[in-house]
N, C-alpha and C. Protein backbone atom coordinates (compact mmCIF):
# COMPACT_ATOMS: atom_id res chain seq x y z
N MET A 1 0.84 -1.18 0.00
CA MET A 1 0.00 0.00 0.00
C MET A 1 0.88 1.24 0.00
N ASN A 2 0.56 2.19 -0.83
CA ASN A 2 1.34 3.42 -0.95
C ASN A 2 0.93 4.38 0.16
N THR A 3 1.91 4.80 0.96
CA THR A 3 1.60 5.69 2.08
C THR A 3 2.13 7.10 1.87
N LEU A 4 2.62 7.41 0.67
CA LEU A 4 3.08 8.77 0.40
C LEU A 4 1.89 9.72 0.37
N PRO A 5 2.10 10.95 0.80
CA PRO A 5 1.02 11.94 0.70
C PRO A 5 0.63 12.13 -0.78
N LEU A 6 -0.62 12.52 -1.00
CA LEU A 6 -1.13 12.69 -2.36
C LEU A 6 -0.25 13.61 -3.18
N LYS A 7 0.20 14.71 -2.60
CA LYS A 7 1.02 15.67 -3.32
C LYS A 7 2.30 15.01 -3.84
N GLU A 8 2.91 14.16 -3.03
CA GLU A 8 4.12 13.45 -3.44
C GLU A 8 3.79 12.43 -4.53
N ASN A 9 2.69 11.73 -4.38
CA ASN A 9 2.27 10.74 -5.37
C ASN A 9 2.04 11.37 -6.74
N LEU A 10 1.43 12.54 -6.77
CA LEU A 10 1.08 13.18 -8.03
C LEU A 10 2.31 13.65 -8.81
N LYS A 11 3.43 13.82 -8.14
CA LYS A 11 4.65 14.27 -8.81
C LYS A 11 5.08 13.30 -9.91
N LYS A 12 4.81 12.01 -9.74
CA LYS A 12 5.24 11.05 -10.74
C LYS A 12 4.49 11.20 -12.06
N TYR A 13 3.37 11.92 -12.06
CA TYR A 13 2.59 12.11 -13.29
C TYR A 13 2.94 13.40 -14.02
N THR A 14 3.73 14.26 -13.39
CA THR A 14 4.01 15.56 -13.99
C THR A 14 5.17 15.53 -14.98
N GLY A 15 5.99 14.50 -14.94
CA GLY A 15 7.11 14.40 -15.86
C GLY A 15 6.64 13.97 -17.24
N ILE A 16 6.69 14.89 -18.19
CA ILE A 16 6.16 14.59 -19.53
C ILE A 16 6.86 13.39 -20.14
N ARG A 17 8.15 13.27 -20.01
CA ARG A 17 8.89 12.16 -20.62
C ARG A 17 8.93 10.91 -19.75
N SER A 18 8.75 11.05 -18.45
CA SER A 18 8.93 9.91 -17.56
C SER A 18 7.62 9.33 -17.04
N CYS A 19 6.50 9.93 -17.34
CA CYS A 19 5.22 9.47 -16.80
C CYS A 19 4.72 8.24 -17.57
N PRO A 20 4.56 7.10 -16.89
CA PRO A 20 4.08 5.90 -17.57
C PRO A 20 2.66 6.06 -18.11
N VAL A 21 1.83 6.80 -17.42
CA VAL A 21 0.46 6.98 -17.89
C VAL A 21 0.45 7.71 -19.22
N ARG A 22 1.20 8.78 -19.31
CA ARG A 22 1.25 9.57 -20.56
C ARG A 22 1.89 8.79 -21.69
N ASN A 23 2.97 8.09 -21.40
CA ASN A 23 3.81 7.53 -22.45
C ASN A 23 3.53 6.08 -22.82
N ILE A 24 2.96 5.33 -21.95
CA ILE A 24 2.70 3.92 -22.25
C ILE A 24 1.22 3.67 -22.44
N ILE A 25 0.43 3.99 -21.45
CA ILE A 25 -1.00 3.71 -21.53
C ILE A 25 -1.65 4.47 -22.68
N ALA A 26 -1.18 5.67 -22.97
CA ALA A 26 -1.76 6.45 -24.07
C ALA A 26 -1.61 5.74 -25.42
N ARG A 27 -0.66 4.85 -25.54
CA ARG A 27 -0.44 4.16 -26.82
C ARG A 27 -1.53 3.14 -27.15
N PHE A 28 -2.25 2.67 -26.14
CA PHE A 28 -3.30 1.69 -26.41
C PHE A 28 -4.63 2.04 -25.75
N SER A 29 -4.79 3.28 -25.34
CA SER A 29 -6.01 3.64 -24.63
C SER A 29 -7.01 4.39 -25.48
N GLY A 30 -6.78 4.49 -26.77
CA GLY A 30 -7.72 5.18 -27.64
C GLY A 30 -9.04 4.44 -27.75
N LYS A 31 -10.00 5.08 -28.35
CA LYS A 31 -11.34 4.52 -28.48
C LYS A 31 -11.33 3.12 -29.09
N TRP A 32 -10.49 2.87 -30.07
CA TRP A 32 -10.53 1.62 -30.81
C TRP A 32 -9.43 0.64 -30.42
N SER A 33 -8.35 1.09 -29.86
CA SER A 33 -7.18 0.24 -29.63
C SER A 33 -7.49 -0.98 -28.78
N ILE A 34 -8.21 -0.80 -27.70
CA ILE A 34 -8.50 -1.93 -26.82
C ILE A 34 -9.39 -2.95 -27.53
N LEU A 35 -10.36 -2.47 -28.30
CA LEU A 35 -11.20 -3.39 -29.06
C LEU A 35 -10.38 -4.17 -30.09
N VAL A 36 -9.49 -3.49 -30.79
CA VAL A 36 -8.64 -4.17 -31.77
C VAL A 36 -7.77 -5.20 -31.08
N LEU A 37 -7.18 -4.86 -29.96
CA LEU A 37 -6.36 -5.82 -29.21
C LEU A 37 -7.18 -7.04 -28.79
N CYS A 38 -8.41 -6.81 -28.36
CA CYS A 38 -9.28 -7.92 -27.96
C CYS A 38 -9.59 -8.84 -29.14
N VAL A 39 -9.85 -8.27 -30.30
CA VAL A 39 -10.12 -9.08 -31.50
C VAL A 39 -8.87 -9.89 -31.85
N LEU A 40 -7.72 -9.26 -31.83
CA LEU A 40 -6.49 -9.97 -32.17
C LEU A 40 -6.15 -11.05 -31.15
N ALA A 41 -6.52 -10.84 -29.90
CA ALA A 41 -6.23 -11.82 -28.85
C ALA A 41 -7.03 -13.10 -29.03
N GLU A 42 -8.13 -13.02 -29.75
CA GLU A 42 -8.98 -14.20 -29.95
C GLU A 42 -8.46 -15.13 -31.04
N ASN A 43 -7.47 -14.70 -31.81
CA ASN A 43 -6.97 -15.47 -32.94
C ASN A 43 -5.45 -15.41 -32.97
N GLU A 44 -4.86 -16.42 -33.59
CA GLU A 44 -3.40 -16.41 -33.77
C GLU A 44 -3.00 -15.33 -34.77
N ALA A 45 -3.69 -15.27 -35.90
CA ALA A 45 -3.41 -14.28 -36.93
C ALA A 45 -4.75 -13.84 -37.52
N THR A 46 -4.89 -12.55 -37.74
CA THR A 46 -6.16 -12.00 -38.18
C THR A 46 -5.93 -11.05 -39.34
N ARG A 47 -6.73 -11.21 -40.37
CA ARG A 47 -6.63 -10.31 -41.52
C ARG A 47 -7.40 -9.03 -41.24
N PHE A 48 -7.01 -7.98 -41.95
CA PHE A 48 -7.60 -6.66 -41.79
C PHE A 48 -9.12 -6.71 -41.87
N ASN A 49 -9.65 -7.37 -42.90
CA ASN A 49 -11.10 -7.42 -43.09
C ASN A 49 -11.82 -8.15 -41.96
N GLU A 50 -11.16 -9.12 -41.35
CA GLU A 50 -11.75 -9.82 -40.22
C GLU A 50 -11.88 -8.90 -39.00
N VAL A 51 -10.85 -8.09 -38.79
CA VAL A 51 -10.91 -7.11 -37.70
C VAL A 51 -12.03 -6.11 -37.99
N ALA A 52 -12.10 -5.65 -39.23
CA ALA A 52 -13.13 -4.68 -39.62
C ALA A 52 -14.53 -5.25 -39.44
N LYS A 53 -14.72 -6.52 -39.74
CA LYS A 53 -16.03 -7.16 -39.56
C LYS A 53 -16.38 -7.29 -38.07
N ALA A 54 -15.38 -7.54 -37.25
CA ALA A 54 -15.61 -7.68 -35.82
C ALA A 54 -15.95 -6.35 -35.16
N ILE A 55 -15.47 -5.25 -35.75
CA ILE A 55 -15.73 -3.90 -35.24
C ILE A 55 -16.32 -3.10 -36.40
N PRO A 56 -17.60 -3.31 -36.73
CA PRO A 56 -18.16 -2.74 -37.96
C PRO A 56 -18.26 -1.22 -37.98
N ASP A 57 -18.21 -0.57 -36.84
CA ASP A 57 -18.35 0.89 -36.84
C ASP A 57 -17.02 1.64 -36.89
N ILE A 58 -15.92 0.94 -37.11
CA ILE A 58 -14.63 1.60 -37.28
C ILE A 58 -14.38 1.78 -38.79
N SER A 59 -13.92 2.95 -39.17
CA SER A 59 -13.66 3.21 -40.59
C SER A 59 -12.34 2.53 -40.97
N PRO A 60 -12.17 2.20 -42.25
CA PRO A 60 -10.91 1.58 -42.69
C PRO A 60 -9.69 2.44 -42.37
N LYS A 61 -9.80 3.74 -42.52
CA LYS A 61 -8.67 4.63 -42.23
C LYS A 61 -8.31 4.59 -40.75
N VAL A 62 -9.32 4.65 -39.89
CA VAL A 62 -9.06 4.63 -38.45
C VAL A 62 -8.51 3.27 -38.04
N LEU A 63 -9.02 2.19 -38.62
CA LEU A 63 -8.49 0.87 -38.32
C LEU A 63 -7.03 0.77 -38.75
N THR A 64 -6.72 1.26 -39.93
CA THR A 64 -5.33 1.27 -40.41
C THR A 64 -4.43 2.05 -39.45
N ASP A 65 -4.87 3.24 -39.07
CA ASP A 65 -4.09 4.08 -38.15
C ASP A 65 -3.92 3.40 -36.79
N THR A 66 -4.97 2.77 -36.31
CA THR A 66 -4.92 2.08 -35.01
C THR A 66 -3.94 0.92 -35.07
N LEU A 67 -4.01 0.12 -36.12
CA LEU A 67 -3.08 -1.00 -36.26
C LEU A 67 -1.63 -0.52 -36.37
N LYS A 68 -1.41 0.55 -37.11
CA LYS A 68 -0.05 1.10 -37.24
C LYS A 68 0.46 1.59 -35.88
N ASN A 69 -0.40 2.25 -35.12
CA ASN A 69 -0.02 2.74 -33.80
C ASN A 69 0.33 1.58 -32.86
N LEU A 70 -0.51 0.54 -32.88
CA LEU A 70 -0.25 -0.62 -32.02
C LEU A 70 1.01 -1.36 -32.46
N GLU A 71 1.26 -1.37 -33.75
CA GLU A 71 2.48 -1.99 -34.27
C GLU A 71 3.71 -1.18 -33.83
N SER A 72 3.63 0.13 -33.94
CA SER A 72 4.78 0.96 -33.55
C SER A 72 5.04 0.90 -32.05
N ALA A 73 4.01 0.59 -31.28
CA ALA A 73 4.17 0.44 -29.83
C ALA A 73 4.72 -0.94 -29.46
N GLY A 74 4.82 -1.83 -30.45
CA GLY A 74 5.35 -3.17 -30.18
C GLY A 74 4.31 -4.14 -29.67
N LEU A 75 3.03 -3.79 -29.76
CA LEU A 75 1.97 -4.65 -29.25
C LEU A 75 1.40 -5.57 -30.32
N VAL A 76 1.53 -5.18 -31.58
CA VAL A 76 0.96 -5.92 -32.71
C VAL A 76 2.06 -6.15 -33.74
N ALA A 77 2.04 -7.35 -34.32
CA ALA A 77 2.95 -7.68 -35.42
C ALA A 77 2.15 -7.74 -36.71
N ARG A 78 2.76 -7.29 -37.78
CA ARG A 78 2.15 -7.29 -39.11
C ARG A 78 2.98 -8.20 -39.99
N LYS A 79 2.33 -9.19 -40.60
CA LYS A 79 3.04 -10.11 -41.49
C LYS A 79 2.46 -9.97 -42.89
N LEU A 80 3.33 -9.63 -43.83
CA LEU A 80 2.94 -9.45 -45.22
C LEU A 80 3.39 -10.68 -46.01
N TYR A 81 2.44 -11.29 -46.74
CA TYR A 81 2.74 -12.43 -47.58
C TYR A 81 2.90 -11.94 -49.02
N ALA A 82 3.91 -12.43 -49.71
CA ALA A 82 4.18 -12.02 -51.09
C ALA A 82 3.25 -12.78 -52.03
N GLU A 83 2.02 -12.33 -52.06
CA GLU A 83 1.00 -12.94 -52.92
C GLU A 83 0.32 -11.83 -53.71
N ILE A 84 -0.42 -12.22 -54.71
CA ILE A 84 -1.23 -11.25 -55.45
C ILE A 84 -2.67 -11.73 -55.36
N PRO A 85 -3.57 -10.95 -54.78
CA PRO A 85 -3.31 -9.69 -54.09
C PRO A 85 -2.56 -9.93 -52.78
N PRO A 86 -1.87 -8.91 -52.29
CA PRO A 86 -1.10 -9.09 -51.05
C PRO A 86 -1.99 -9.52 -49.89
N LYS A 87 -1.45 -10.40 -49.08
CA LYS A 87 -2.16 -10.87 -47.89
C LYS A 87 -1.40 -10.35 -46.68
N VAL A 88 -2.13 -9.72 -45.77
CA VAL A 88 -1.52 -9.18 -44.55
C VAL A 88 -2.28 -9.75 -43.35
N GLU A 89 -1.53 -10.22 -42.38
CA GLU A 89 -2.12 -10.71 -41.14
C GLU A 89 -1.54 -9.95 -39.96
N TYR A 90 -2.37 -9.76 -38.96
CA TYR A 90 -1.97 -9.08 -37.73
C TYR A 90 -2.10 -10.05 -36.58
N SER A 91 -1.20 -9.95 -35.63
CA SER A 91 -1.26 -10.78 -34.43
C SER A 91 -0.63 -10.02 -33.28
N LEU A 92 -0.90 -10.49 -32.08
CA LEU A 92 -0.29 -9.87 -30.91
C LEU A 92 1.16 -10.33 -30.78
N THR A 93 2.01 -9.43 -30.39
CA THR A 93 3.39 -9.79 -30.05
C THR A 93 3.37 -10.36 -28.63
N GLU A 94 4.51 -10.82 -28.18
CA GLU A 94 4.60 -11.30 -26.79
C GLU A 94 4.27 -10.16 -25.82
N LEU A 95 4.71 -8.95 -26.15
CA LEU A 95 4.40 -7.79 -25.32
C LEU A 95 2.88 -7.55 -25.31
N GLY A 96 2.26 -7.63 -26.47
CA GLY A 96 0.81 -7.47 -26.55
C GLY A 96 0.08 -8.53 -25.76
N LYS A 97 0.56 -9.77 -25.85
CA LYS A 97 -0.06 -10.87 -25.09
C LYS A 97 0.08 -10.63 -23.59
N SER A 98 1.20 -10.06 -23.17
CA SER A 98 1.39 -9.80 -21.73
C SER A 98 0.47 -8.71 -21.22
N LEU A 99 -0.01 -7.85 -22.12
CA LEU A 99 -0.95 -6.79 -21.75
C LEU A 99 -2.37 -7.32 -21.59
N MET A 100 -2.72 -8.38 -22.30
CA MET A 100 -4.10 -8.83 -22.39
C MET A 100 -4.75 -9.21 -21.06
N PRO A 101 -4.08 -9.84 -20.12
CA PRO A 101 -4.75 -10.12 -18.84
C PRO A 101 -5.26 -8.85 -18.15
N HIS A 102 -4.52 -7.77 -18.29
CA HIS A 102 -4.93 -6.50 -17.68
C HIS A 102 -6.13 -5.92 -18.43
N ILE A 103 -6.09 -6.01 -19.74
CA ILE A 103 -7.22 -5.53 -20.54
C ILE A 103 -8.45 -6.39 -20.27
N GLU A 104 -8.26 -7.69 -20.15
CA GLU A 104 -9.39 -8.59 -19.86
C GLU A 104 -10.02 -8.24 -18.52
N ASN A 105 -9.20 -7.87 -17.53
CA ASN A 105 -9.76 -7.43 -16.25
C ASN A 105 -10.57 -6.15 -16.42
N LEU A 106 -10.06 -5.22 -17.21
CA LEU A 106 -10.78 -3.97 -17.48
C LEU A 106 -12.09 -4.25 -18.23
N VAL A 107 -12.04 -5.13 -19.21
CA VAL A 107 -13.25 -5.49 -19.96
C VAL A 107 -14.27 -6.13 -19.02
N GLY A 108 -13.83 -7.02 -18.16
CA GLY A 108 -14.73 -7.64 -17.18
C GLY A 108 -15.37 -6.60 -16.28
N TRP A 109 -14.57 -5.65 -15.81
CA TRP A 109 -15.10 -4.58 -14.97
C TRP A 109 -16.12 -3.76 -15.74
N ALA A 110 -15.82 -3.45 -17.02
CA ALA A 110 -16.75 -2.67 -17.84
C ALA A 110 -18.08 -3.41 -18.01
N ILE A 111 -18.01 -4.69 -18.26
CA ILE A 111 -19.24 -5.48 -18.41
C ILE A 111 -20.03 -5.49 -17.11
N ASP A 112 -19.36 -5.71 -16.01
CA ASP A 112 -20.03 -5.76 -14.70
C ASP A 112 -20.66 -4.43 -14.32
N ASN A 113 -20.07 -3.32 -14.75
CA ASN A 113 -20.53 -2.01 -14.31
C ASN A 113 -21.20 -1.18 -15.40
N PHE A 114 -21.44 -1.77 -16.54
CA PHE A 114 -22.02 -1.07 -17.68
C PHE A 114 -23.34 -0.39 -17.33
N ASP A 115 -24.26 -1.14 -16.74
CA ASP A 115 -25.58 -0.58 -16.43
C ASP A 115 -25.48 0.54 -15.39
N ALA A 116 -24.68 0.35 -14.36
CA ALA A 116 -24.55 1.37 -13.31
C ALA A 116 -23.97 2.67 -13.87
N ILE A 117 -22.99 2.57 -14.74
CA ILE A 117 -22.37 3.77 -15.29
C ILE A 117 -23.27 4.42 -16.33
N ASN A 118 -23.96 3.62 -17.11
CA ASN A 118 -24.87 4.17 -18.13
C ASN A 118 -26.06 4.89 -17.53
N ARG A 119 -26.42 4.58 -16.30
CA ARG A 119 -27.54 5.26 -15.64
C ARG A 119 -27.17 6.69 -15.23
N LYS A 120 -25.92 6.99 -15.11
CA LYS A 120 -25.46 8.29 -14.62
C LYS A 120 -25.69 9.37 -15.65
């Protein structure tokens, strides 16, 4: 249990370059990132169109940007097959897989508390 006074605790969030919340969580906390990670966690390798079908209200551009962001963060791997037409599959990296238990806990909490929060 952290016993530092609140003022001392908050100092760790003020460092723009050193704050884990700003620099790590922001990479996968966007509106679509967690959903994309959840879809990818359900399969070994997933094609772009399969992700798009699983999340029908995401635009192709936003899905592309989200996948690129998750790839640059090291959470998603992109595999391109030299075929015509080109085949691309996305999957979670080991780092992405290590994140999923935490996301699954958050998803469980969201499901359990959906009605209570929506009433507000």
